[in-house]
Amino acid sequence: CAVSIPLTISPHSNTDQQDSFPNTNPFDFSSATYFIPLTALVGVAIASSFTGQLSDRVGRKRILLSCFLGSMAGTALKWFLRANFWPFCAANFVNGLMSGGLPVALAYIGDLFTDPHVKEGYFGALVGCFVLGNSFGGIIAILMAETGLFAPLWVGVALEFAAFVICGIYLIEPGKLKPLARDDNVATSMFDDDAEVVVPETISWVDGR
């Protein structure tokens, strides 16, 4: 999603960018450049208000994978609606609605660890990766400016697909985890007998049987 935000709009009078919007009425260029990312951020804010609680009911992994799929579809939709400003903004808003995975990921960390200091460390790392991803998306968009204002959207689709595949294969559904007390150095959890376990090298796990 972050890849698609920068450089997706040019002034109507700029003939150097043939794929810019024909017009951005009623906004001028400066206002429109702020309005486009705002539509996505409003969608993210709305989604973030309920995705965490929804994942409590249906599972963290299911919501995260749904967010990846929805964001892929929304990013691709923006490509097909790139010729018109308002339809593009509407697609950007919908894409934002499908980008509320951060609260779910934070809740996932809460499922894995009980020690508050360890949680804070992972929370910080996760938010840092999120911010880095947004910055990296802007860099990609700038580097690809010569290929077209909207070409970075497909890079975003590819990255979202890669994240979907990786999480689909390796992410453990935390509903099968039962966190136990732990100290600052050792993470312990109890797994159901039928749980499939992927063990990080830095974490020790206790078999629940």
N, C-alpha and C. Protein backbone atom coordinates (compact mmCIF):
# COMPACT_ATOMS: atom_id res chain seq x y z
N CYS A 1 0.84 -1.20 0.00
CA CYS A 1 0.00 0.00 0.00
C CYS A 1 0.87 1.25 0.00
N ALA A 2 1.96 1.23 0.78
CA ALA A 2 2.81 2.42 0.86
C ALA A 2 3.48 2.73 -0.46
N VAL A 3 3.71 1.70 -1.28
CA VAL A 3 4.35 1.91 -2.57
C VAL A 3 3.49 2.78 -3.46
N SER A 4 2.19 2.72 -3.31
CA SER A 4 1.27 3.39 -4.22
C SER A 4 0.96 4.82 -3.84
N ILE A 5 1.38 5.25 -2.65
CA ILE A 5 0.99 6.58 -2.19
C ILE A 5 1.78 7.70 -2.85
N PRO A 6 3.14 7.66 -2.88
CA PRO A 6 3.86 8.78 -3.46
C PRO A 6 3.76 8.81 -4.98
N LEU A 7 3.85 9.99 -5.54
CA LEU A 7 3.96 10.19 -6.98
C LEU A 7 2.83 9.56 -7.78
N THR A 8 1.63 9.56 -7.23
CA THR A 8 0.50 9.00 -7.97
C THR A 8 -0.36 10.09 -8.58
N ILE A 9 0.11 11.31 -8.55
CA ILE A 9 -0.70 12.41 -9.05
C ILE A 9 0.19 13.52 -9.59
N SER A 10 -0.20 14.12 -10.68
CA SER A 10 0.53 15.25 -11.25
C SER A 10 -0.46 16.35 -11.60
N PRO A 11 0.01 17.58 -11.70
CA PRO A 11 -0.90 18.66 -12.10
C PRO A 11 -1.47 18.40 -13.48
N HIS A 12 -2.67 18.87 -13.68
CA HIS A 12 -3.33 18.69 -14.98
C HIS A 12 -2.51 19.32 -16.11
N SER A 13 -1.79 20.40 -15.81
CA SER A 13 -1.05 21.11 -16.84
C SER A 13 0.29 20.49 -17.16
N ASN A 14 0.69 19.46 -16.41
CA ASN A 14 2.00 18.85 -16.62
C ASN A 14 1.90 17.83 -17.74
N THR A 15 2.43 18.14 -18.89
CA THR A 15 2.34 17.24 -20.04
C THR A 15 3.44 16.21 -20.06
N ASP A 16 4.41 16.31 -19.12
CA ASP A 16 5.49 15.34 -19.09
C ASP A 16 5.01 13.98 -18.58
N GLN A 17 3.97 13.98 -17.78
CA GLN A 17 3.43 12.74 -17.23
C GLN A 17 2.13 12.43 -17.94
N GLN A 18 2.22 11.52 -18.90
CA GLN A 18 1.05 11.21 -19.71
C GLN A 18 0.01 10.40 -18.95
N ASP A 19 0.43 9.75 -17.86
CA ASP A 19 -0.51 8.91 -17.12
C ASP A 19 -1.02 9.59 -15.85
N SER A 20 -0.86 10.90 -15.74
CA SER A 20 -1.40 11.61 -14.58
C SER A 20 -2.91 11.74 -14.72
N PHE A 21 -3.57 12.12 -13.62
CA PHE A 21 -5.02 12.29 -13.67
C PHE A 21 -5.39 13.44 -14.60
N PRO A 22 -6.45 13.30 -15.39
CA PRO A 22 -6.91 14.40 -16.25
C PRO A 22 -7.23 15.65 -15.45
N ASN A 23 -7.84 15.46 -14.27
CA ASN A 23 -8.10 16.59 -13.37
C ASN A 23 -8.30 16.04 -11.96
N THR A 24 -8.19 16.94 -11.01
CA THR A 24 -8.35 16.57 -9.61
C THR A 24 -9.41 17.45 -8.94
N ASN A 25 -10.36 17.93 -9.72
CA ASN A 25 -11.40 18.81 -9.19
C ASN A 25 -12.13 18.16 -8.02
N PRO A 26 -12.43 18.90 -6.97
CA PRO A 26 -12.29 20.35 -6.81
C PRO A 26 -10.95 20.76 -6.19
N PHE A 27 -9.97 19.84 -6.10
CA PHE A 27 -8.71 20.14 -5.46
C PHE A 27 -7.69 20.64 -6.47
N ASP A 28 -6.79 21.50 -5.99
CA ASP A 28 -5.63 21.84 -6.80
C ASP A 28 -4.57 20.77 -6.56
N PHE A 29 -3.42 20.92 -7.19
CA PHE A 29 -2.38 19.90 -7.11
C PHE A 29 -1.93 19.64 -5.68
N SER A 30 -1.63 20.70 -4.93
CA SER A 30 -1.12 20.54 -3.58
C SER A 30 -2.14 19.84 -2.68
N SER A 31 -3.39 20.26 -2.77
CA SER A 31 -4.43 19.63 -1.94
C SER A 31 -4.63 18.18 -2.31
N ALA A 32 -4.59 17.87 -3.60
CA ALA A 32 -4.81 16.50 -4.05
C ALA A 32 -3.71 15.57 -3.58
N THR A 33 -2.46 16.06 -3.53
CA THR A 33 -1.35 15.21 -3.09
C THR A 33 -1.48 14.83 -1.62
N TYR A 34 -2.18 15.65 -0.84
CA TYR A 34 -2.45 15.30 0.55
C TYR A 34 -3.70 14.44 0.69
N PHE A 35 -4.65 14.68 -0.21
CA PHE A 35 -5.93 13.98 -0.09
C PHE A 35 -5.80 12.49 -0.41
N ILE A 36 -4.96 12.15 -1.38
CA ILE A 36 -4.83 10.74 -1.77
C ILE A 36 -4.35 9.87 -0.60
N PRO A 37 -3.22 10.19 0.04
CA PRO A 37 -2.82 9.35 1.19
C PRO A 37 -3.81 9.43 2.35
N LEU A 38 -4.51 10.56 2.47
CA LEU A 38 -5.50 10.68 3.54
C LEU A 38 -6.60 9.65 3.38
N THR A 39 -7.03 9.39 2.15
CA THR A 39 -8.10 8.40 1.94
C THR A 39 -7.66 7.02 2.42
N ALA A 40 -6.38 6.68 2.18
CA ALA A 40 -5.88 5.38 2.64
C ALA A 40 -5.78 5.36 4.16
N LEU A 41 -5.29 6.44 4.76
CA LEU A 41 -5.10 6.47 6.21
C LEU A 41 -6.43 6.41 6.95
N VAL A 42 -7.47 7.02 6.40
CA VAL A 42 -8.79 6.93 7.02
C VAL A 42 -9.27 5.47 7.01
N GLY A 43 -9.06 4.78 5.88
CA GLY A 43 -9.43 3.38 5.81
C GLY A 43 -8.66 2.53 6.80
N VAL A 44 -7.36 2.79 6.93
CA VAL A 44 -6.53 2.05 7.88
C VAL A 44 -7.02 2.30 9.31
N ALA A 45 -7.34 3.55 9.62
CA ALA A 45 -7.80 3.88 10.97
C ALA A 45 -9.10 3.16 11.30
N ILE A 46 -10.03 3.13 10.35
CA ILE A 46 -11.29 2.43 10.58
C ILE A 46 -11.06 0.94 10.77
N ALA A 47 -10.25 0.35 9.89
CA ALA A 47 -9.99 -1.09 9.98
C ALA A 47 -9.28 -1.44 11.28
N SER A 48 -8.33 -0.60 11.69
CA SER A 48 -7.55 -0.89 12.89
C SER A 48 -8.40 -0.84 14.16
N SER A 49 -9.56 -0.22 14.07
CA SER A 49 -10.42 -0.11 15.25
C SER A 49 -11.15 -1.42 15.56
N PHE A 50 -11.18 -2.35 14.60
CA PHE A 50 -11.92 -3.59 14.87
C PHE A 50 -11.17 -4.87 14.47
N THR A 51 -10.09 -4.78 13.70
CA THR A 51 -9.43 -6.02 13.26
C THR A 51 -8.84 -6.81 14.42
N GLY A 52 -8.32 -6.11 15.42
CA GLY A 52 -7.76 -6.82 16.57
C GLY A 52 -8.82 -7.63 17.30
N GLN A 53 -9.97 -7.01 17.57
CA GLN A 53 -11.05 -7.72 18.26
C GLN A 53 -11.62 -8.83 17.39
N LEU A 54 -11.72 -8.56 16.09
CA LEU A 54 -12.23 -9.60 15.19
C LEU A 54 -11.31 -10.81 15.17
N SER A 55 -10.00 -10.56 15.25
CA SER A 55 -9.06 -11.68 15.24
C SER A 55 -9.15 -12.51 16.52
N ASP A 56 -9.66 -11.91 17.60
CA ASP A 56 -9.89 -12.68 18.82
C ASP A 56 -10.93 -13.77 18.59
N ARG A 57 -11.86 -13.49 17.68
CA ARG A 57 -12.96 -14.43 17.44
C ARG A 57 -12.63 -15.45 16.35
N VAL A 58 -12.04 -14.99 15.26
CA VAL A 58 -11.85 -15.88 14.11
C VAL A 58 -10.41 -16.31 13.92
N GLY A 59 -9.49 -15.75 14.68
CA GLY A 59 -8.10 -16.18 14.57
C GLY A 59 -7.21 -15.11 13.96
N ARG A 60 -6.00 -14.99 14.49
CA ARG A 60 -5.05 -13.98 14.00
C ARG A 60 -4.64 -14.27 12.55
N LYS A 61 -4.29 -15.50 12.30
CA LYS A 61 -3.76 -15.84 10.98
C LYS A 61 -4.79 -15.59 9.89
N ARG A 62 -6.03 -15.93 10.15
CA ARG A 62 -7.07 -15.75 9.15
C ARG A 62 -7.25 -14.28 8.79
N ILE A 63 -7.22 -13.41 9.80
CA ILE A 63 -7.38 -11.98 9.54
C ILE A 63 -6.17 -11.43 8.80
N LEU A 64 -4.97 -11.83 9.20
CA LEU A 64 -3.78 -11.34 8.53
C LEU A 64 -3.76 -11.74 7.06
N LEU A 65 -4.09 -12.99 6.79
CA LEU A 65 -4.10 -13.45 5.39
C LEU A 65 -5.20 -12.73 4.60
N SER A 66 -6.34 -12.48 5.24
CA SER A 66 -7.41 -11.74 4.57
C SER A 66 -6.97 -10.32 4.24
N CYS A 67 -6.21 -9.70 5.16
CA CYS A 67 -5.70 -8.36 4.90
C CYS A 67 -4.75 -8.35 3.71
N PHE A 68 -3.89 -9.35 3.62
CA PHE A 68 -2.97 -9.43 2.49
C PHE A 68 -3.74 -9.58 1.17
N LEU A 69 -4.71 -10.48 1.16
CA LEU A 69 -5.49 -10.69 -0.06
C LEU A 69 -6.27 -9.43 -0.44
N GLY A 70 -6.91 -8.82 0.55
CA GLY A 70 -7.68 -7.62 0.28
C GLY A 70 -6.81 -6.47 -0.20
N SER A 71 -5.62 -6.34 0.37
CA SER A 71 -4.72 -5.28 -0.05
C SER A 71 -4.19 -5.53 -1.46
N MET A 72 -3.94 -6.80 -1.79
CA MET A 72 -3.54 -7.12 -3.16
C MET A 72 -4.63 -6.70 -4.14
N ALA A 73 -5.87 -7.07 -3.83
CA ALA A 73 -6.99 -6.73 -4.71
C ALA A 73 -7.18 -5.22 -4.80
N GLY A 74 -7.08 -4.53 -3.65
CA GLY A 74 -7.27 -3.09 -3.65
C GLY A 74 -6.19 -2.36 -4.42
N THR A 75 -4.94 -2.82 -4.30
CA THR A 75 -3.84 -2.19 -5.03
C THR A 75 -4.00 -2.39 -6.52
N ALA A 76 -4.39 -3.60 -6.93
CA ALA A 76 -4.63 -3.85 -8.35
C ALA A 76 -5.80 -3.02 -8.86
N LEU A 77 -6.83 -2.87 -8.03
CA LEU A 77 -8.00 -2.07 -8.42
C LEU A 77 -7.60 -0.62 -8.68
N LYS A 78 -6.68 -0.11 -7.88
CA LYS A 78 -6.22 1.27 -8.10
C LYS A 78 -5.56 1.43 -9.47
N TRP A 79 -4.87 0.40 -9.92
CA TRP A 79 -4.27 0.45 -11.26
C TRP A 79 -5.34 0.61 -12.33
N PHE A 80 -6.40 -0.17 -12.22
CA PHE A 80 -7.44 -0.13 -13.24
C PHE A 80 -8.30 1.15 -13.17
N LEU A 81 -8.26 1.82 -12.03
CA LEU A 81 -9.02 3.07 -11.88
C LEU A 81 -8.12 4.29 -11.92
N ARG A 82 -6.91 4.13 -12.43
CA ARG A 82 -5.92 5.21 -12.38
C ARG A 82 -6.26 6.39 -13.28
N ALA A 83 -7.19 6.23 -14.22
CA ALA A 83 -7.49 7.31 -15.16
C ALA A 83 -8.40 8.37 -14.57
N ASN A 84 -9.01 8.08 -13.41
CA ASN A 84 -9.96 9.03 -12.82
C ASN A 84 -9.64 9.24 -11.35
N PHE A 85 -9.60 10.48 -10.96
CA PHE A 85 -9.15 10.83 -9.61
C PHE A 85 -10.07 10.27 -8.53
N TRP A 86 -11.36 10.53 -8.60
CA TRP A 86 -12.26 10.12 -7.51
C TRP A 86 -12.43 8.61 -7.41
N PRO A 87 -12.59 7.87 -8.52
CA PRO A 87 -12.60 6.41 -8.38
C PRO A 87 -11.30 5.86 -7.79
N PHE A 88 -10.18 6.48 -8.16
CA PHE A 88 -8.90 6.05 -7.60
C PHE A 88 -8.88 6.28 -6.09
N CYS A 89 -9.38 7.43 -5.65
CA CYS A 89 -9.42 7.71 -4.22
C CYS A 89 -10.33 6.73 -3.48
N ALA A 90 -11.45 6.36 -4.12
CA ALA A 90 -12.35 5.39 -3.51
C ALA A 90 -11.65 4.04 -3.36
N ALA A 91 -10.93 3.62 -4.40
CA ALA A 91 -10.18 2.37 -4.31
C ALA A 91 -9.09 2.45 -3.26
N ASN A 92 -8.49 3.62 -3.13
CA ASN A 92 -7.45 3.81 -2.11
C ASN A 92 -8.03 3.67 -0.71
N PHE A 93 -9.24 4.19 -0.52
CA PHE A 93 -9.92 4.05 0.76
C PHE A 93 -10.23 2.59 1.07
N VAL A 94 -10.74 1.88 0.07
CA VAL A 94 -11.05 0.46 0.25
C VAL A 94 -9.78 -0.32 0.56
N ASN A 95 -8.70 0.03 -0.13
CA ASN A 95 -7.43 -0.63 0.14
C ASN A 95 -6.99 -0.37 1.58
N GLY A 96 -7.22 0.85 2.07
CA GLY A 96 -6.90 1.14 3.46
C GLY A 96 -7.71 0.31 4.43
N LEU A 97 -8.97 0.05 4.09
CA LEU A 97 -9.82 -0.78 4.93
C LEU A 97 -9.28 -2.20 5.05
N MET A 98 -8.54 -2.64 4.03
CA MET A 98 -7.98 -3.99 4.04
C MET A 98 -6.54 -4.00 4.55
N SER A 99 -6.10 -2.89 5.14
CA SER A 99 -4.71 -2.79 5.59
C SER A 99 -4.61 -2.61 7.09
N GLY A 100 -5.52 -3.22 7.82
CA GLY A 100 -5.52 -3.09 9.27
C GLY A 100 -4.86 -4.25 9.98
N GLY A 101 -3.76 -4.74 9.43
CA GLY A 101 -3.11 -5.91 10.00
C GLY A 101 -2.20 -5.61 11.18
N LEU A 102 -1.77 -4.35 11.36
CA LEU A 102 -0.83 -4.05 12.43
C LEU A 102 -1.38 -4.37 13.82
N PRO A 103 -2.62 -3.99 14.16
CA PRO A 103 -3.14 -4.36 15.49
C PRO A 103 -3.20 -5.87 15.68
N VAL A 104 -3.47 -6.61 14.62
CA VAL A 104 -3.52 -8.07 14.72
C VAL A 104 -2.13 -8.63 14.98
N ALA A 105 -1.13 -8.08 14.29
CA ALA A 105 0.24 -8.53 14.50
C ALA A 105 0.71 -8.22 15.92
N LEU A 106 0.32 -7.05 16.44
CA LEU A 106 0.66 -6.71 17.81
C LEU A 106 -0.02 -7.67 18.79
N ALA A 107 -1.28 -8.00 18.52
CA ALA A 107 -1.98 -8.96 19.37
C ALA A 107 -1.34 -10.34 19.29
N TYR A 108 -0.81 -10.68 18.13
CA TYR A 108 -0.13 -11.97 17.96
C TYR A 108 1.08 -12.04 18.89
N ILE A 109 1.84 -10.96 18.98
CA ILE A 109 2.98 -10.92 19.89
C ILE A 109 2.50 -11.07 21.33
N GLY A 110 1.37 -10.43 21.63
CA GLY A 110 0.81 -10.58 22.96
C GLY A 110 0.43 -12.00 23.29
N ASP A 111 0.05 -12.78 22.27
CA ASP A 111 -0.29 -14.18 22.49
C ASP A 111 0.96 -15.02 22.77
N LEU A 112 2.08 -14.63 22.19
CA LEU A 112 3.28 -15.44 22.28
C LEU A 112 4.06 -15.23 23.57
N PHE A 113 4.06 -14.01 24.07
CA PHE A 113 4.93 -13.68 25.19
C PHE A 113 4.12 -13.09 26.34
N THR A 114 4.58 -13.38 27.55
CA THR A 114 3.92 -12.85 28.74
C THR A 114 4.77 -11.81 29.45
N ASP A 115 6.07 -11.87 29.26
CA ASP A 115 6.96 -10.92 29.91
C ASP A 115 6.81 -9.54 29.27
N PRO A 116 6.48 -8.50 30.04
CA PRO A 116 6.23 -7.18 29.44
C PRO A 116 7.45 -6.58 28.76
N HIS A 117 8.64 -6.84 29.27
CA HIS A 117 9.85 -6.28 28.66
C HIS A 117 10.10 -6.89 27.28
N VAL A 118 9.87 -8.19 27.19
CA VAL A 118 10.05 -8.86 25.90
C VAL A 118 8.99 -8.39 24.91
N LYS A 119 7.75 -8.25 25.40
CA LYS A 119 6.68 -7.74 24.53
C LYS A 119 7.03 -6.37 23.98
N GLU A 120 7.53 -5.49 24.84
CA GLU A 120 7.86 -4.14 24.39
C GLU A 120 8.92 -4.17 23.31
N GLY A 121 9.90 -5.06 23.46
CA GLY A 121 10.95 -5.16 22.45
C GLY A 121 10.41 -5.58 21.10
N TYR A 122 9.53 -6.59 21.11
CA TYR A 122 8.95 -7.07 19.85
C TYR A 122 7.95 -6.07 19.28
N PHE A 123 7.21 -5.40 20.16
CA PHE A 123 6.30 -4.36 19.69
C PHE A 123 7.07 -3.27 18.94
N GLY A 124 8.17 -2.83 19.54
CA GLY A 124 8.99 -1.80 18.92
C GLY A 124 9.56 -2.25 17.59
N ALA A 125 10.02 -3.50 17.53
CA ALA A 125 10.58 -4.03 16.29
C ALA A 125 9.52 -4.11 15.20
N LEU A 126 8.31 -4.53 15.58
CA LEU A 126 7.24 -4.67 14.61
C LEU A 126 6.81 -3.31 14.05
N VAL A 127 6.63 -2.34 14.93
CA VAL A 127 6.25 -1.00 14.47
C VAL A 127 7.37 -0.39 13.63
N GLY A 128 8.63 -0.65 14.02
CA GLY A 128 9.76 -0.17 13.22
C GLY A 128 9.75 -0.74 11.82
N CYS A 129 9.45 -2.02 11.71
CA CYS A 129 9.37 -2.65 10.38
C CYS A 129 8.23 -2.04 9.56
N PHE A 130 7.12 -1.74 10.23
CA PHE A 130 5.99 -1.12 9.54
C PHE A 130 6.37 0.24 8.98
N VAL A 131 7.04 1.05 9.79
CA VAL A 131 7.47 2.38 9.35
C VAL A 131 8.50 2.25 8.23
N LEU A 132 9.42 1.30 8.37
CA LEU A 132 10.43 1.09 7.35
C LEU A 132 9.78 0.69 6.03
N GLY A 133 8.75 -0.15 6.10
CA GLY A 133 8.05 -0.56 4.89
C GLY A 133 7.40 0.61 4.18
N ASN A 134 6.80 1.51 4.96
CA ASN A 134 6.21 2.70 4.36
C ASN A 134 7.26 3.58 3.70
N SER A 135 8.41 3.74 4.35
CA SER A 135 9.49 4.54 3.77
C SER A 135 10.05 3.87 2.52
N PHE A 136 10.21 2.56 2.59
CA PHE A 136 10.76 1.83 1.45
C PHE A 136 9.81 1.90 0.25
N GLY A 137 8.51 1.88 0.53
CA GLY A 137 7.53 2.00 -0.55
C GLY A 137 7.66 3.33 -1.27
N GLY A 138 7.87 4.40 -0.51
CA GLY A 138 8.05 5.70 -1.13
C GLY A 138 9.30 5.77 -1.98
N ILE A 139 10.37 5.12 -1.50
CA ILE A 139 11.62 5.11 -2.27
C ILE A 139 11.44 4.37 -3.59
N ILE A 140 10.74 3.23 -3.55
CA ILE A 140 10.49 2.47 -4.78
C ILE A 140 9.70 3.32 -5.77
N ALA A 141 8.68 4.02 -5.27
CA ALA A 141 7.86 4.85 -6.15
C ALA A 141 8.69 5.94 -6.82
N ILE A 142 9.59 6.55 -6.05
CA ILE A 142 10.43 7.60 -6.63
C ILE A 142 11.37 7.02 -7.68
N LEU A 143 11.98 5.87 -7.38
CA LEU A 143 12.92 5.26 -8.31
C LEU A 143 12.24 4.82 -9.60
N MET A 144 10.94 4.49 -9.51
CA MET A 144 10.21 4.02 -10.68
C MET A 144 9.41 5.11 -11.36
N ALA A 145 9.67 6.36 -11.00
CA ALA A 145 8.89 7.47 -11.56
C ALA A 145 8.98 7.52 -13.07
N GLU A 146 10.13 7.15 -13.62
CA GLU A 146 10.30 7.22 -15.08
C GLU A 146 9.47 6.17 -15.81
N THR A 147 9.10 5.11 -15.13
CA THR A 147 8.30 4.05 -15.77
C THR A 147 6.81 4.35 -15.71
N GLY A 148 6.42 5.39 -15.00
CA GLY A 148 5.01 5.74 -14.90
C GLY A 148 4.62 5.96 -13.46
N LEU A 149 3.68 6.85 -13.26
CA LEU A 149 3.26 7.19 -11.90
C LEU A 149 2.63 6.01 -11.17
N PHE A 150 2.00 5.11 -11.90
CA PHE A 150 1.24 4.04 -11.26
C PHE A 150 1.92 2.67 -11.34
N ALA A 151 3.07 2.59 -11.99
CA ALA A 151 3.78 1.32 -12.09
C ALA A 151 4.14 0.72 -10.73
N PRO A 152 4.50 1.53 -9.72
CA PRO A 152 4.82 0.94 -8.42
C PRO A 152 3.68 0.16 -7.78
N LEU A 153 2.46 0.37 -8.24
CA LEU A 153 1.35 -0.40 -7.68
C LEU A 153 1.56 -1.89 -7.85
N TRP A 154 2.13 -2.30 -8.97
CA TRP A 154 2.34 -3.73 -9.20
C TRP A 154 3.48 -4.28 -8.36
N VAL A 155 4.43 -3.42 -8.00
CA VAL A 155 5.45 -3.85 -7.04
C VAL A 155 4.79 -4.12 -5.69
N GLY A 156 3.86 -3.23 -5.33
CA GLY A 156 3.11 -3.45 -4.10
C GLY A 156 2.33 -4.75 -4.12
N VAL A 157 1.69 -5.06 -5.23
CA VAL A 157 0.94 -6.32 -5.35
C VAL A 157 1.88 -7.51 -5.17
N ALA A 158 3.06 -7.45 -5.79
CA ALA A 158 4.02 -8.55 -5.69
C ALA A 158 4.51 -8.74 -4.26
N LEU A 159 4.80 -7.64 -3.57
CA LEU A 159 5.27 -7.73 -2.19
C LEU A 159 4.18 -8.27 -1.26
N GLU A 160 2.95 -7.84 -1.50
CA GLU A 160 1.84 -8.34 -0.68
C GLU A 160 1.61 -9.83 -0.92
N PHE A 161 1.77 -10.26 -2.18
CA PHE A 161 1.63 -11.69 -2.47
C PHE A 161 2.73 -12.49 -1.78
N ALA A 162 3.96 -11.98 -1.80
CA ALA A 162 5.07 -12.67 -1.14
C ALA A 162 4.80 -12.78 0.36
N ALA A 163 4.30 -11.70 0.98
CA ALA A 163 3.98 -11.73 2.40
C ALA A 163 2.86 -12.72 2.69
N PHE A 164 1.88 -12.78 1.79
CA PHE A 164 0.76 -13.72 1.95
C PHE A 164 1.26 -15.17 1.95
N VAL A 165 2.14 -15.49 1.01
CA VAL A 165 2.66 -16.85 0.90
C VAL A 165 3.50 -17.21 2.12
N ILE A 166 4.39 -16.30 2.53
CA ILE A 166 5.27 -16.58 3.67
C ILE A 166 4.47 -16.78 4.95
N CYS A 167 3.50 -15.90 5.19
CA CYS A 167 2.68 -16.04 6.40
C CYS A 167 1.78 -17.27 6.32
N GLY A 168 1.28 -17.57 5.13
CA GLY A 168 0.44 -18.75 4.98
C GLY A 168 1.18 -20.03 5.29
N ILE A 169 2.46 -20.07 5.00
CA ILE A 169 3.26 -21.28 5.21
C ILE A 169 3.80 -21.35 6.64
N TYR A 170 4.33 -20.25 7.14
CA TYR A 170 5.12 -20.30 8.37
C TYR A 170 4.41 -19.75 9.61
N LEU A 171 3.37 -18.95 9.44
CA LEU A 171 2.75 -18.35 10.61
C LEU A 171 1.94 -19.40 11.38
N ILE A 172 2.18 -19.50 12.68
CA ILE A 172 1.45 -20.43 13.54
C ILE A 172 0.19 -19.74 14.04
N GLU A 173 -0.94 -20.41 13.94
CA GLU A 173 -2.17 -19.84 14.49
C GLU A 173 -2.06 -19.80 16.01
N PRO A 174 -2.03 -18.62 16.61
CA PRO A 174 -1.81 -18.53 18.06
C PRO A 174 -2.94 -19.09 18.89
N GLY A 175 -4.06 -19.44 18.27
CA GLY A 175 -5.11 -20.09 19.02
C GLY A 175 -4.68 -21.43 19.58
N LYS A 176 -3.59 -21.99 19.03
CA LYS A 176 -3.06 -23.25 19.51
C LYS A 176 -1.97 -23.06 20.55
N LEU A 177 -1.69 -21.81 20.90
CA LEU A 177 -0.65 -21.51 21.87
C LEU A 177 -1.28 -21.15 23.22
N LYS A 178 -0.65 -21.61 24.29
CA LYS A 178 -1.06 -21.25 25.64
C LYS A 178 0.17 -20.72 26.36
N PRO A 179 0.35 -19.40 26.37
CA PRO A 179 1.56 -18.83 26.98
C PRO A 179 1.65 -19.16 28.46
N LEU A 180 2.87 -19.43 28.91
CA LEU A 180 3.15 -19.67 30.32
C LEU A 180 4.01 -18.55 30.86
N ALA A 181 4.21 -18.52 32.19
CA ALA A 181 5.09 -17.52 32.78
C ALA A 181 6.49 -17.73 32.25
N ARG A 182 7.26 -16.64 32.17
CA ARG A 182 8.60 -16.73 31.62
C ARG A 182 9.47 -15.65 32.24
N ASP A 183 10.81 -15.84 32.16
CA ASP A 183 11.70 -14.80 32.62
C ASP A 183 12.16 -13.97 31.43
N ASP A 184 13.17 -13.12 31.62
CA ASP A 184 13.59 -12.20 30.57
C ASP A 184 14.33 -12.89 29.44
N ASN A 185 14.79 -14.11 29.68
CA ASN A 185 15.68 -14.74 28.70
C ASN A 185 15.06 -15.93 27.98
N VAL A 186 14.08 -16.56 28.59
CA VAL A 186 13.55 -17.80 28.02
C VAL A 186 12.05 -17.67 27.81
N ALA A 187 11.60 -17.93 26.59
CA ALA A 187 10.17 -17.92 26.29
C ALA A 187 9.65 -19.33 26.38
N THR A 188 8.58 -19.56 27.14
CA THR A 188 8.00 -20.88 27.25
C THR A 188 6.54 -20.81 26.86
N SER A 189 6.09 -21.80 26.12
CA SER A 189 4.68 -21.89 25.74
C SER A 189 4.27 -23.34 25.72
N MET A 190 2.99 -23.57 25.83
CA MET A 190 2.44 -24.91 25.76
C MET A 190 1.65 -25.05 24.48
N PHE A 191 1.95 -26.07 23.71
CA PHE A 191 1.25 -26.29 22.46
C PHE A 191 0.26 -27.43 22.61
N ASP A 192 -0.84 -27.33 21.89
CA ASP A 192 -1.74 -28.48 21.78
C ASP A 192 -0.99 -29.62 21.13
N ASP A 193 -1.44 -30.82 21.39
CA ASP A 193 -0.76 -31.99 20.85
C ASP A 193 -0.73 -31.99 19.33
N ASP A 194 -1.76 -31.42 18.68
CA ASP A 194 -1.82 -31.46 17.22
C ASP A 194 -1.29 -30.19 16.59
N ALA A 195 -0.67 -29.31 17.38
CA ALA A 195 -0.18 -28.05 16.83
C ALA A 195 1.09 -28.29 16.03
N GLU A 196 1.17 -27.62 14.89
CA GLU A 196 2.38 -27.66 14.09
C GLU A 196 3.29 -26.53 14.54
N VAL A 197 4.53 -26.85 14.88
CA VAL A 197 5.41 -25.90 15.54
C VAL A 197 6.57 -25.52 14.64
N VAL A 198 6.81 -24.23 14.51
CA VAL A 198 8.01 -23.72 13.88
C VAL A 198 8.78 -23.00 14.97
N VAL A 199 9.96 -23.48 15.33
CA VAL A 199 10.67 -23.00 16.50
C VAL A 199 11.76 -22.02 16.12
N PRO A 200 11.67 -20.75 16.54
CA PRO A 200 12.77 -19.81 16.33
C PRO A 200 13.99 -20.26 17.11
N GLU A 201 15.19 -19.98 16.58
CA GLU A 201 16.41 -20.45 17.21
C GLU A 201 16.63 -19.82 18.58
N THR A 202 16.13 -18.62 18.78
CA THR A 202 16.41 -17.89 20.02
C THR A 202 15.37 -18.15 21.10
N ILE A 203 14.41 -19.04 20.86
CA ILE A 203 13.34 -19.26 21.81
C ILE A 203 13.27 -20.75 22.18
N SER A 204 13.11 -21.04 23.44
CA SER A 204 12.93 -22.41 23.90
C SER A 204 11.46 -22.65 24.20
N TRP A 205 10.93 -23.76 23.73
CA TRP A 205 9.52 -24.04 23.91
C TRP A 205 9.36 -25.30 24.77
N VAL A 206 8.31 -25.31 25.56
CA VAL A 206 8.02 -26.43 26.42
C VAL A 206 6.88 -27.23 25.82
N ASP A 207 7.09 -28.54 25.66
CA ASP A 207 6.04 -29.42 25.14
C ASP A 207 4.98 -29.57 26.22
N GLY A 208 3.72 -29.41 25.84
CA GLY A 208 2.65 -29.43 26.82
C GLY A 208 2.24 -30.80 27.25
N ARG A 209 2.79 -31.86 26.69
CA ARG A 209 2.29 -33.18 27.05
C ARG A 209 2.88 -33.65 28.37
